[in-house]
């Protein structure tokens, strides 16, 4: 299997997996990059996977139906362009011989889902939309801090080798925030330097790995003493994980 990230808009990635003949795409907010990749690699479009309803994730779905030779999958509790096959937590689908388990991850939106495949040996493949970013997480447009914290915990339960295919190139700004939260964290400083070099060379910073995120992502580190202390300084009501997460998320919302 081949994993491609198709740049879209200013900082989106549309993920494509293909076997040389057929492809699936995830969150095609824009049809044009998908069409170009299908033509360049002479691929048939076998399925579309959608994580949530925001326009930059579904805007290209209807235009791609003329090339689609399979279903559109999406969250059952969200308004996705019809027709689509609704999915809920615990469902499993098969595309291109890969099996994807569906995980409910509300917070960014009320019905957001993620897809994880364990078929690629020791490195599971996670399509998590706007729930988990490298060194960050999505804004809470429709969910609560408790929901998002629980959603991230579900993703954090996956193997450390999991490849995190999120849908925005936010890594540098997220790492700068992570450095403000944990200025003494050497993993954050090292990865920031690495990603700055990647971006200067015109390269992407993704996919990340869950093992790396556990070292650098403050939203996965809400029980680390330094993160807790930083959150308390920003107004967290106590040292428990949900108030810590909530304070971090509010801080990130206004961080520049």
C-alpha atoms as a PDB file:
ATOM      1  CA  UNK A   1       0.000   0.000   0.000  1.00  0.00           C
ATOM      2  CA  UNK A   2       1.071   3.552  -0.747  1.00  0.00           C
ATOM      3  CA  UNK A   3       0.223   6.467   1.538  1.00  0.00           C
ATOM      4  CA  UNK A   4       0.071   9.943  -0.009  1.00  0.00           C
ATOM      5  CA  UNK A   5      -0.802  13.339   1.439  1.00  0.00           C
ATOM      6  CA  UNK A   6      -2.416  15.639  -1.123  1.00  0.00           C
ATOM      7  CA  UNK A   7      -2.065  19.321  -0.155  1.00  0.00           C
ATOM      8  CA  UNK A   8      -5.273  21.348  -0.318  1.00  0.00           C
ATOM      9  CA  UNK A   9      -6.240  24.930   0.513  1.00  0.00           C
ATOM     10  CA  UNK A  10      -3.654  26.674   2.719  1.00  0.00           C
ATOM     11  CA  UNK A  11      -2.744  23.908   5.154  1.00  0.00           C
ATOM     12  CA  UNK A  12      -5.036  20.890   4.633  1.00  0.00           C
ATOM     13  CA  UNK A  13      -3.980  17.381   3.675  1.00  0.00           C
ATOM     14  CA  UNK A  14      -6.265  14.949   1.891  1.00  0.00           C
ATOM     15  CA  UNK A  15      -4.913  11.496   2.627  1.00  0.00           C
ATOM     16  CA  UNK A  16      -4.878   8.863  -0.111  1.00  0.00           C
ATOM     17  CA  UNK A  17      -4.065   5.166   0.196  1.00  0.00           C
ATOM     18  CA  UNK A  18      -3.631   3.173  -3.018  1.00  0.00           C
ATOM     19  CA  UNK A  19      -2.435  -0.228  -4.159  1.00  0.00           C
ATOM     20  CA  UNK A  20      -1.368   0.840  -7.637  1.00  0.00           C
ATOM     21  CA  UNK A  21      -4.816   0.277  -9.123  1.00  0.00           C
ATOM     22  CA  UNK A  22      -7.428   1.486  -6.636  1.00  0.00           C
ATOM     23  CA  UNK A  23      -7.441   4.231  -4.035  1.00  0.00           C
ATOM     24  CA  UNK A  24      -9.318   5.519  -1.028  1.00  0.00           C
ATOM     25  CA  UNK A  25      -9.260   9.140   0.072  1.00  0.00           C
ATOM     26  CA  UNK A  26      -9.957  10.688   3.453  1.00  0.00           C
ATOM     27  CA  UNK A  27     -11.691  14.039   3.996  1.00  0.00           C
ATOM     28  CA  UNK A  28     -11.608  15.398   0.431  1.00  0.00           C
ATOM     29  CA  UNK A  29     -12.467  19.025   1.029  1.00  0.00           C
ATOM     30  CA  UNK A  30     -11.333  19.831  -2.521  1.00  0.00           C
ATOM     31  CA  UNK A  31     -11.874  17.478  -5.462  1.00  0.00           C
ATOM     32  CA  UNK A  32      -9.114  18.886  -7.690  1.00  0.00           C
ATOM     33  CA  UNK A  33      -6.042  17.445  -5.886  1.00  0.00           C
ATOM     34  CA  UNK A  34      -7.770  14.060  -5.734  1.00  0.00           C
ATOM     35  CA  UNK A  35      -8.631  14.110  -9.446  1.00  0.00           C
ATOM     36  CA  UNK A  36      -5.050  15.050 -10.300  1.00  0.00           C
ATOM     37  CA  UNK A  37      -3.624  12.239  -8.169  1.00  0.00           C
ATOM     38  CA  UNK A  38      -6.049   9.674  -9.596  1.00  0.00           C
ATOM     39  CA  UNK A  39      -5.055  10.675 -13.124  1.00  0.00           C
ATOM     40  CA  UNK A  40      -1.318  10.856 -12.374  1.00  0.00           C
ATOM     41  CA  UNK A  41      -1.259   7.362 -10.853  1.00  0.00           C
ATOM     42  CA  UNK A  42      -3.999   5.913 -13.099  1.00  0.00           C
ATOM     43  CA  UNK A  43      -6.121   4.905 -10.148  1.00  0.00           C
ATOM     44  CA  UNK A  44      -9.769   4.067  -9.639  1.00  0.00           C
ATOM     45  CA  UNK A  45     -11.442   5.690  -6.640  1.00  0.00           C
ATOM     46  CA  UNK A  46     -12.774   2.861  -4.482  1.00  0.00           C
ATOM     47  CA  UNK A  47     -14.048   4.730  -1.407  1.00  0.00           C
ATOM     48  CA  UNK A  48     -14.201   8.024   0.434  1.00  0.00           C
ATOM     49  CA  UNK A  49     -13.790   8.166   4.224  1.00  0.00           C
ATOM     50  CA  UNK A  50     -15.093  11.240   6.052  1.00  0.00           C
ATOM     51  CA  UNK A  51     -14.291  12.072   9.684  1.00  0.00           C
ATOM     52  CA  UNK A  52     -16.597  15.068  10.236  1.00  0.00           C
ATOM     53  CA  UNK A  53     -18.869  17.529   8.506  1.00  0.00           C
ATOM     54  CA  UNK A  54     -16.768  20.686   8.129  1.00  0.00           C
ATOM     55  CA  UNK A  55     -16.633  22.052   4.549  1.00  0.00           C
ATOM     56  CA  UNK A  56     -12.857  21.714   4.231  1.00  0.00           C
ATOM     57  CA  UNK A  57     -13.347  17.957   4.761  1.00  0.00           C
ATOM     58  CA  UNK A  58     -16.450  17.260   2.661  1.00  0.00           C
ATOM     59  CA  UNK A  59     -16.436  20.024   0.025  1.00  0.00           C
ATOM     60  CA  UNK A  60     -15.147  17.766  -2.755  1.00  0.00           C
ATOM     61  CA  UNK A  61     -17.298  14.703  -2.062  1.00  0.00           C
ATOM     62  CA  UNK A  62     -20.101  15.374  -4.537  1.00  0.00           C
ATOM     63  CA  UNK A  63     -17.726  16.327  -7.351  1.00  0.00           C
ATOM     64  CA  UNK A  64     -15.800  13.092  -6.847  1.00  0.00           C
ATOM     65  CA  UNK A  65     -18.885  10.885  -7.181  1.00  0.00           C
ATOM     66  CA  UNK A  66     -18.391  10.767 -10.958  1.00  0.00           C
ATOM     67  CA  UNK A  67     -15.109   8.936 -10.332  1.00  0.00           C
ATOM     68  CA  UNK A  68     -16.251   6.924  -7.335  1.00  0.00           C
ATOM     69  CA  UNK A  69     -16.728   3.164  -7.684  1.00  0.00           C
ATOM     70  CA  UNK A  70     -17.689   2.469  -4.087  1.00  0.00           C
ATOM     71  CA  UNK A  71     -19.213   4.038  -0.991  1.00  0.00           C
ATOM     72  CA  UNK A  72     -18.795   7.246   0.913  1.00  0.00           C
ATOM     73  CA  UNK A  73     -18.404   6.475   4.630  1.00  0.00           C
ATOM     74  CA  UNK A  74     -19.032   9.040   7.332  1.00  0.00           C
ATOM     75  CA  UNK A  75     -20.161   9.677  10.901  1.00  0.00           C
ATOM     76  CA  UNK A  76     -23.740   8.639  11.567  1.00  0.00           C
ATOM     77  CA  UNK A  77     -24.417  11.630  13.811  1.00  0.00           C
ATOM     78  CA  UNK A  78     -23.334  14.337  11.399  1.00  0.00           C
ATOM     79  CA  UNK A  79     -24.706  15.900   8.213  1.00  0.00           C
ATOM     80  CA  UNK A  80     -22.553  14.440   5.431  1.00  0.00           C
ATOM     81  CA  UNK A  81     -23.350  14.842   1.709  1.00  0.00           C
ATOM     82  CA  UNK A  82     -25.876  12.162   0.788  1.00  0.00           C
ATOM     83  CA  UNK A  83     -25.800   9.339  -0.008  1.00  0.00           C
ATOM     84  CA  UNK A  84     -23.299   7.907   2.459  1.00  0.00           C
ATOM     85  CA  UNK A  85     -22.929   4.872   4.694  1.00  0.00           C
ATOM     86  CA  UNK A  86     -23.258   5.975   8.347  1.00  0.00           C
ATOM     87  CA  UNK A  87     -20.697   4.638  10.824  1.00  0.00           C
ATOM     88  CA  UNK A  88     -20.661   4.432  14.614  1.00  0.00           C
ATOM     89  CA  UNK A  89     -18.126   3.540  17.263  1.00  0.00           C
ATOM     90  CA  UNK A  90     -17.159  -0.115  17.000  1.00  0.00           C
ATOM     91  CA  UNK A  91     -18.088  -0.503  13.332  1.00  0.00           C
ATOM     92  CA  UNK A  92     -15.556  -2.069  10.977  1.00  0.00           C
ATOM     93  CA  UNK A  93     -15.234  -1.533   7.234  1.00  0.00           C
ATOM     94  CA  UNK A  94     -12.989  -3.092   4.590  1.00  0.00           C
ATOM     95  CA  UNK A  95     -11.494  -1.067   1.731  1.00  0.00           C
ATOM     96  CA  UNK A  96      -8.651  -2.191  -0.551  1.00  0.00           C
ATOM     97  CA  UNK A  97      -8.212  -5.223   1.669  1.00  0.00           C
ATOM     98  CA  UNK A  98      -7.589  -3.000   4.695  1.00  0.00           C
ATOM     99  CA  UNK A  99      -9.837  -3.249   7.735  1.00  0.00           C
ATOM    100  CA  UNK A 100     -10.679   0.026   9.479  1.00  0.00           C
ATOM    101  CA  UNK A 101     -12.129   0.183  12.974  1.00  0.00           C
ATOM    102  CA  UNK A 102     -14.289   3.209  13.736  1.00  0.00           C
ATOM    103  CA  UNK A 103     -13.662   5.214  16.921  1.00  0.00           C
ATOM    104  CA  UNK A 104     -15.987   7.916  18.244  1.00  0.00           C
ATOM    105  CA  UNK A 105     -13.934  11.041  18.981  1.00  0.00           C
ATOM    106  CA  UNK A 106     -16.369  13.895  19.709  1.00  0.00           C
ATOM    107  CA  UNK A 107     -15.068  17.276  20.767  1.00  0.00           C
ATOM    108  CA  UNK A 108     -14.072  19.210  17.665  1.00  0.00           C
ATOM    109  CA  UNK A 109     -17.529  18.341  16.330  1.00  0.00           C
ATOM    110  CA  UNK A 110     -20.311  16.450  18.072  1.00  0.00           C
ATOM    111  CA  UNK A 111     -20.162  13.309  15.921  1.00  0.00           C
ATOM    112  CA  UNK A 112     -16.513  13.234  14.815  1.00  0.00           C
ATOM    113  CA  UNK A 113     -15.105   9.754  14.108  1.00  0.00           C
ATOM    114  CA  UNK A 114     -11.643   8.364  13.402  1.00  0.00           C
ATOM    115  CA  UNK A 115     -10.523   5.345  11.401  1.00  0.00           C
ATOM    116  CA  UNK A 116      -7.690   3.024  12.413  1.00  0.00           C
ATOM    117  CA  UNK A 117      -6.265   0.087  10.465  1.00  0.00           C
ATOM    118  CA  UNK A 118      -4.012  -2.507  12.084  1.00  0.00           C
ATOM    119  CA  UNK A 119      -3.360  -4.314   8.792  1.00  0.00           C
ATOM    120  CA  UNK A 120      -0.036  -2.650   8.032  1.00  0.00           C
ATOM    121  CA  UNK A 121       2.144  -4.774  10.321  1.00  0.00           C
ATOM    122  CA  UNK A 122       3.512  -3.042  13.420  1.00  0.00           C
ATOM    123  CA  UNK A 123       2.492   0.480  12.365  1.00  0.00           C
ATOM    124  CA  UNK A 124      -1.280   1.014  12.507  1.00  0.00           C
ATOM    125  CA  UNK A 125      -2.689   3.779  10.337  1.00  0.00           C
ATOM    126  CA  UNK A 126      -4.891   6.391  12.015  1.00  0.00           C
ATOM    127  CA  UNK A 127      -7.012   8.935  10.157  1.00  0.00           C
ATOM    128  CA  UNK A 128      -8.106  11.257  12.944  1.00  0.00           C
ATOM    129  CA  UNK A 129      -9.376  14.332  11.103  1.00  0.00           C
ATOM    130  CA  UNK A 130      -9.201  17.398  13.346  1.00  0.00           C
ATOM    131  CA  UNK A 131      -9.225  15.598  16.702  1.00  0.00           C
ATOM    132  CA  UNK A 132      -5.499  14.989  17.177  1.00  0.00           C
ATOM    133  CA  UNK A 133      -2.773  17.071  15.539  1.00  0.00           C
ATOM    134  CA  UNK A 134       0.950  16.759  15.889  1.00  0.00           C
ATOM    135  CA  UNK A 135       1.675  18.527  19.193  1.00  0.00           C
ATOM    136  CA  UNK A 136      -1.944  19.694  19.386  1.00  0.00           C
ATOM    137  CA  UNK A 137      -5.641  18.963  19.122  1.00  0.00           C
ATOM    138  CA  UNK A 138      -8.676  20.484  17.458  1.00  0.00           C
ATOM    139  CA  UNK A 139     -10.683  23.403  18.773  1.00  0.00           C
ATOM    140  CA  UNK A 140     -13.856  22.576  20.659  1.00  0.00           C
ATOM    141  CA  UNK A 141     -16.521  23.878  18.290  1.00  0.00           C
ATOM    142  CA  UNK A 142     -19.296  21.497  19.345  1.00  0.00           C
ATOM    143  CA  UNK A 143     -17.995  19.401  22.243  1.00  0.00           C
ATOM    144  CA  UNK A 144     -16.824  19.800  25.817  1.00  0.00           C
ATOM    145  CA  UNK A 145     -13.358  19.525  27.337  1.00  0.00           C
ATOM    146  CA  UNK A 146     -14.403  16.269  29.001  1.00  0.00           C
ATOM    147  CA  UNK A 147     -15.499  14.812  25.659  1.00  0.00           C
ATOM    148  CA  UNK A 148     -12.303  15.814  23.894  1.00  0.00           C
ATOM    149  CA  UNK A 149     -10.124  14.552  26.721  1.00  0.00           C
ATOM    150  CA  UNK A 150     -11.898  11.192  26.551  1.00  0.00           C
ATOM    151  CA  UNK A 151     -11.568  11.136  22.751  1.00  0.00           C
ATOM    152  CA  UNK A 152      -7.827  11.752  22.972  1.00  0.00           C
ATOM    153  CA  UNK A 153      -7.553   9.030  25.614  1.00  0.00           C
ATOM    154  CA  UNK A 154      -9.172   6.589  23.177  1.00  0.00           C
ATOM    155  CA  UNK A 155      -6.568   7.462  20.564  1.00  0.00           C
ATOM    156  CA  UNK A 156      -3.767   7.385  23.126  1.00  0.00           C
ATOM    157  CA  UNK A 157      -4.702   3.758  23.876  1.00  0.00           C
ATOM    158  CA  UNK A 158      -3.501   2.728  20.409  1.00  0.00           C
ATOM    159  CA  UNK A 159       0.023   1.309  19.922  1.00  0.00           C
ATOM    160  CA  UNK A 160       2.903   3.763  20.036  1.00  0.00           C
ATOM    161  CA  UNK A 161       3.860   2.870  16.456  1.00  0.00           C
ATOM    162  CA  UNK A 162       0.529   4.205  15.157  1.00  0.00           C
ATOM    163  CA  UNK A 163       1.003   6.616  12.255  1.00  0.00           C
ATOM    164  CA  UNK A 164      -1.070   9.737  12.890  1.00  0.00           C
ATOM    165  CA  UNK A 165      -2.520  11.113   9.675  1.00  0.00           C
ATOM    166  CA  UNK A 166      -4.177  14.339  10.738  1.00  0.00           C
ATOM    167  CA  UNK A 167      -5.501  16.825   8.235  1.00  0.00           C
ATOM    168  CA  UNK A 168      -3.713  20.127   8.856  1.00  0.00           C
ATOM    169  CA  UNK A 169      -0.108  21.305   8.770  1.00  0.00           C
ATOM    170  CA  UNK A 170      -0.253  22.966  12.177  1.00  0.00           C
ATOM    171  CA  UNK A 171       2.849  21.344  13.621  1.00  0.00           C
ATOM    172  CA  UNK A 172       5.131  24.366  13.934  1.00  0.00           C
ATOM    173  CA  UNK A 173       2.576  26.571  15.675  1.00  0.00           C
ATOM    174  CA  UNK A 174       1.574  23.672  17.920  1.00  0.00           C
ATOM    175  CA  UNK A 175       5.177  22.996  18.895  1.00  0.00           C
ATOM    176  CA  UNK A 176       5.696  26.648  19.778  1.00  0.00           C
ATOM    177  CA  UNK A 177       2.745  26.365  22.138  1.00  0.00           C
ATOM    178  CA  UNK A 178       4.075  23.082  23.525  1.00  0.00           C
ATOM    179  CA  UNK A 179       7.389  24.844  24.235  1.00  0.00           C
ATOM    180  CA  UNK A 180       5.520  27.530  26.176  1.00  0.00           C
ATOM    181  CA  UNK A 181       3.774  24.831  28.222  1.00  0.00           C
ATOM    182  CA  UNK A 182       6.929  22.780  28.837  1.00  0.00           C
ATOM    183  CA  UNK A 183       9.987  24.963  28.174  1.00  0.00           C
ATOM    184  CA  UNK A 184      12.276  22.311  29.715  1.00  0.00           C
ATOM    185  CA  UNK A 185      11.014  19.436  27.562  1.00  0.00           C
ATOM    186  CA  UNK A 186      13.964  18.405  25.323  1.00  0.00           C
ATOM    187  CA  UNK A 187      11.746  16.351  22.997  1.00  0.00           C
ATOM    188  CA  UNK A 188       9.720  19.455  22.131  1.00  0.00           C
ATOM    189  CA  UNK A 189      12.833  21.540  21.439  1.00  0.00           C
ATOM    190  CA  UNK A 190      14.392  18.805  19.313  1.00  0.00           C
ATOM    191  CA  UNK A 191      11.254  18.148  17.267  1.00  0.00           C
ATOM    192  CA  UNK A 192      10.643  21.861  16.741  1.00  0.00           C
ATOM    193  CA  UNK A 193      14.121  22.220  15.262  1.00  0.00           C
ATOM    194  CA  UNK A 194      13.546  19.146  13.078  1.00  0.00           C
ATOM    195  CA  UNK A 195      10.195  20.388  11.792  1.00  0.00           C
ATOM    196  CA  UNK A 196      11.509  23.872  11.102  1.00  0.00           C
ATOM    197  CA  UNK A 197      14.126  22.286   8.847  1.00  0.00           C
ATOM    198  CA  UNK A 198      11.480  20.172   7.108  1.00  0.00           C
ATOM    199  CA  UNK A 199       9.241  23.144   6.400  1.00  0.00           C
ATOM    200  CA  UNK A 200      12.177  25.268   5.227  1.00  0.00           C
ATOM    201  CA  UNK A 201      12.882  22.511   2.699  1.00  0.00           C
ATOM    202  CA  UNK A 202       9.252  22.481   1.578  1.00  0.00           C
ATOM    203  CA  UNK A 203       8.515  19.130   3.215  1.00  0.00           C
ATOM    204  CA  UNK A 204       5.575  18.124   5.399  1.00  0.00           C
ATOM    205  CA  UNK A 205       5.859  17.227   9.071  1.00  0.00           C
ATOM    206  CA  UNK A 206       3.341  14.362   8.920  1.00  0.00           C
ATOM    207  CA  UNK A 207       2.501  11.622   9.584  1.00  0.00           C
ATOM    208  CA  UNK A 208       3.560  11.691  13.196  1.00  0.00           C
ATOM    209  CA  UNK A 209       3.618   8.706  15.532  1.00  0.00           C
ATOM    210  CA  UNK A 210       1.736   8.204  18.746  1.00  0.00           C
ATOM    211  CA  UNK A 211       4.985   7.429  20.572  1.00  0.00           C
ATOM    212  CA  UNK A 212       6.337  10.836  19.564  1.00  0.00           C
ATOM    213  CA  UNK A 213       3.093  12.607  20.449  1.00  0.00           C
ATOM    214  CA  UNK A 214       3.238  11.180  23.951  1.00  0.00           C
ATOM    215  CA  UNK A 215       6.522  13.066  24.378  1.00  0.00           C
ATOM    216  CA  UNK A 216       5.629  16.396  22.758  1.00  0.00           C
ATOM    217  CA  UNK A 217       1.858  16.905  22.785  1.00  0.00           C
ATOM    218  CA  UNK A 218       0.677  18.778  25.881  1.00  0.00           C
ATOM    219  CA  UNK A 219      -2.904  17.595  25.335  1.00  0.00           C
ATOM    220  CA  UNK A 220      -1.734  13.996  25.801  1.00  0.00           C
ATOM    221  CA  UNK A 221       0.367  14.974  28.823  1.00  0.00           C
ATOM    222  CA  UNK A 222      -2.296  16.394  31.149  1.00  0.00           C
ATOM    223  CA  UNK A 223      -0.983  14.385  34.099  1.00  0.00           C
ATOM    224  CA  UNK A 224       2.662  15.421  33.705  1.00  0.00           C
ATOM    225  CA  UNK A 225       3.646  17.664  36.649  1.00  0.00           C
ATOM    226  CA  UNK A 226       5.120  20.418  34.461  1.00  0.00           C
ATOM    227  CA  UNK A 227       2.001  20.501  32.272  1.00  0.00           C
ATOM    228  CA  UNK A 228      -0.266  20.533  35.305  1.00  0.00           C
ATOM    229  CA  UNK A 229       1.679  23.424  36.847  1.00  0.00           C
ATOM    230  CA  UNK A 230       1.484  25.384  33.596  1.00  0.00           C
ATOM    231  CA  UNK A 231      -2.270  24.811  33.382  1.00  0.00           C
ATOM    232  CA  UNK A 232      -2.769  25.901  36.989  1.00  0.00           C
ATOM    233  CA  UNK A 233      -0.909  29.109  36.190  1.00  0.00           C
ATOM    234  CA  UNK A 234      -3.434  29.637  33.376  1.00  0.00           C
ATOM    235  CA  UNK A 235      -6.429  29.205  35.656  1.00  0.00           C
ATOM    236  CA  UNK A 236      -7.109  25.460  35.825  1.00  0.00           C
ATOM    237  CA  UNK A 237      -9.507  24.800  38.681  1.00  0.00           C
ATOM    238  CA  UNK A 238      -7.539  21.822  40.011  1.00  0.00           C
ATOM    239  CA  UNK A 239      -4.860  19.293  39.065  1.00  0.00           C
ATOM    240  CA  UNK A 240      -7.173  16.647  37.594  1.00  0.00           C
ATOM    241  CA  UNK A 241      -6.879  15.933  33.850  1.00  0.00           C
ATOM    242  CA  UNK A 242     -10.087  17.518  32.515  1.00  0.00           C
ATOM    243  CA  UNK A 243      -9.594  20.954  34.156  1.00  0.00           C
ATOM    244  CA  UNK A 244      -5.951  20.833  33.066  1.00  0.00           C
ATOM    245  CA  UNK A 245      -6.999  20.011  29.506  1.00  0.00           C
ATOM    246  CA  UNK A 246      -9.636  22.759  29.504  1.00  0.00           C
ATOM    247  CA  UNK A 247      -7.127  25.372  30.666  1.00  0.00           C
ATOM    248  CA  UNK A 248      -4.596  24.279  28.048  1.00  0.00           C
ATOM    249  CA  UNK A 249      -7.197  24.435  25.270  1.00  0.00           C
ATOM    250  CA  UNK A 250      -8.323  27.925  26.284  1.00  0.00           C
ATOM    251  CA  UNK A 251      -4.678  29.028  26.462  1.00  0.00           C
ATOM    252  CA  UNK A 252      -4.001  27.625  23.004  1.00  0.00           C
ATOM    253  CA  UNK A 253      -7.053  29.443  21.608  1.00  0.00           C
ATOM    254  CA  UNK A 254      -5.472  32.790  22.444  1.00  0.00           C
ATOM    255  CA  UNK A 255      -1.800  31.818  22.015  1.00  0.00           C
ATOM    256  CA  UNK A 256       0.206  33.733  19.425  1.00  0.00           C
END
